[in-house]
């Protein structure tokens, strides 16, 4: 499932993100079972860098996607970022995050 909206509201725990490129897909486990997964992109500013990275270091989140009426426990499946130093004033990084449903 891909969203047509340019920006989609996504919540990780109590933090709101304006995401783009939201994609829902299934990950097949070795036993043949499937788990839901979500991939999306978002921007992180210099001002938000510390709070966002502290949140991401937790590794597990309550994901809420109101547009899909989805709410579930997830963990990081994959992520990447365009910058590794957002401590410079005015810097903005592009983040890509993939979350997988926790059993």
Protein backbone atom coordinates (compact mmCIF):
# COMPACT_ATOMS: atom_id res chain seq x y z
CA UNK A 1 0.00 0.00 0.00
CA UNK A 2 1.43 3.35 -1.04
CA UNK A 3 -0.13 6.64 -0.03
CA UNK A 4 -1.00 9.28 -2.59
CA UNK A 5 -0.70 12.14 -0.11
CA UNK A 6 2.41 14.28 -0.31
CA UNK A 7 2.66 14.34 3.48
CA UNK A 8 1.26 11.83 5.93
CA UNK A 9 1.05 12.27 9.69
CA UNK A 10 2.93 9.51 11.51
CA UNK A 11 3.44 9.12 15.23
CA UNK A 12 6.28 7.25 16.93
CA UNK A 13 5.27 7.01 20.56
CA UNK A 14 4.26 10.61 21.36
CA UNK A 15 6.30 12.33 18.62
CA UNK A 16 4.61 13.48 15.42
CA UNK A 17 6.35 13.36 12.03
CA UNK A 18 5.34 14.69 8.61
CA UNK A 19 6.34 11.76 6.41
CA UNK A 20 6.57 11.33 2.67
CA UNK A 21 6.67 8.20 0.55
CA UNK A 22 4.76 6.05 3.02
CA UNK A 23 4.71 2.42 1.93
CA UNK A 24 3.16 -0.55 3.74
CA UNK A 25 4.42 -4.03 2.90
CA UNK A 26 4.77 -7.50 4.40
CA UNK A 27 7.96 -9.18 5.61
CA UNK A 28 7.94 -12.98 5.44
CA UNK A 29 9.61 -14.78 8.33
CA UNK A 30 11.52 -18.07 8.02
CA UNK A 31 8.48 -19.95 9.34
CA UNK A 32 6.33 -18.49 6.55
CA UNK A 33 4.43 -16.05 8.75
CA UNK A 34 4.13 -12.44 7.66
CA UNK A 35 4.48 -9.24 9.62
CA UNK A 36 3.39 -5.76 8.57
CA UNK A 37 6.09 -3.25 7.80
CA UNK A 38 6.09 0.44 6.99
CA UNK A 39 8.70 2.57 5.21
CA UNK A 40 8.71 6.35 5.01
CA UNK A 41 10.94 9.41 4.75
CA UNK A 42 11.02 12.53 6.88
CA UNK A 43 13.17 15.58 7.49
CA UNK A 44 15.06 16.32 10.70
CA UNK A 45 16.25 19.82 11.51
CA UNK A 46 19.19 20.90 13.61
CA UNK A 47 16.74 21.90 16.35
CA UNK A 48 15.05 18.46 16.44
CA UNK A 49 18.14 16.30 15.91
CA UNK A 50 18.83 15.40 19.54
CA UNK A 51 15.22 14.52 20.39
CA UNK A 52 14.74 12.45 17.22
CA UNK A 53 17.98 10.49 17.57
CA UNK A 54 17.26 9.83 21.25
CA UNK A 55 13.86 8.45 20.25
CA UNK A 56 15.30 6.31 17.43
CA UNK A 57 17.94 4.80 19.74
CA UNK A 58 15.09 3.17 21.66
CA UNK A 59 14.61 0.87 18.67
CA UNK A 60 10.97 -0.01 19.48
CA UNK A 61 7.94 2.24 19.15
CA UNK A 62 4.20 2.47 19.14
CA UNK A 63 3.53 3.43 15.52
CA UNK A 64 0.34 5.28 14.68
CA UNK A 65 -0.71 6.19 11.14
CA UNK A 66 -4.12 7.87 11.46
CA UNK A 67 -4.71 7.95 7.68
CA UNK A 68 -4.50 4.14 7.62
CA UNK A 69 -6.18 3.65 10.99
CA UNK A 70 -3.05 1.70 11.97
CA UNK A 71 -1.63 1.43 15.47
CA UNK A 72 0.88 -1.26 16.41
CA UNK A 73 4.14 -2.02 18.21
CA UNK A 74 7.10 -1.86 15.84
CA UNK A 75 10.87 -2.04 15.79
CA UNK A 76 13.47 -0.67 13.40
CA UNK A 77 13.99 -2.95 10.40
CA UNK A 78 16.24 -0.54 8.48
CA UNK A 79 17.10 3.16 8.43
CA UNK A 80 19.40 5.65 6.78
CA UNK A 81 20.16 9.35 6.92
CA UNK A 82 21.71 11.84 4.53
CA UNK A 83 23.75 13.59 7.23
CA UNK A 84 25.56 12.37 10.29
CA UNK A 85 26.10 15.81 11.82
CA UNK A 86 22.98 17.88 12.31
CA UNK A 87 24.60 19.89 15.09
CA UNK A 88 25.36 22.66 12.59
CA UNK A 89 22.79 25.44 12.81
CA UNK A 90 20.41 25.42 9.84
CA UNK A 91 21.23 21.83 8.86
CA UNK A 92 18.40 19.58 7.68
CA UNK A 93 18.78 15.85 7.16
CA UNK A 94 16.72 13.39 5.16
CA UNK A 95 15.85 10.25 7.12
CA UNK A 96 14.48 6.97 5.76
CA UNK A 97 12.94 4.62 8.30
CA UNK A 98 11.55 1.10 7.93
CA UNK A 99 9.61 -0.36 10.84
CA UNK A 100 8.42 -3.94 11.28
CA UNK A 101 5.57 -5.18 13.43
CA UNK A 102 6.64 -6.77 16.71
CA UNK A 103 5.28 -10.19 17.55
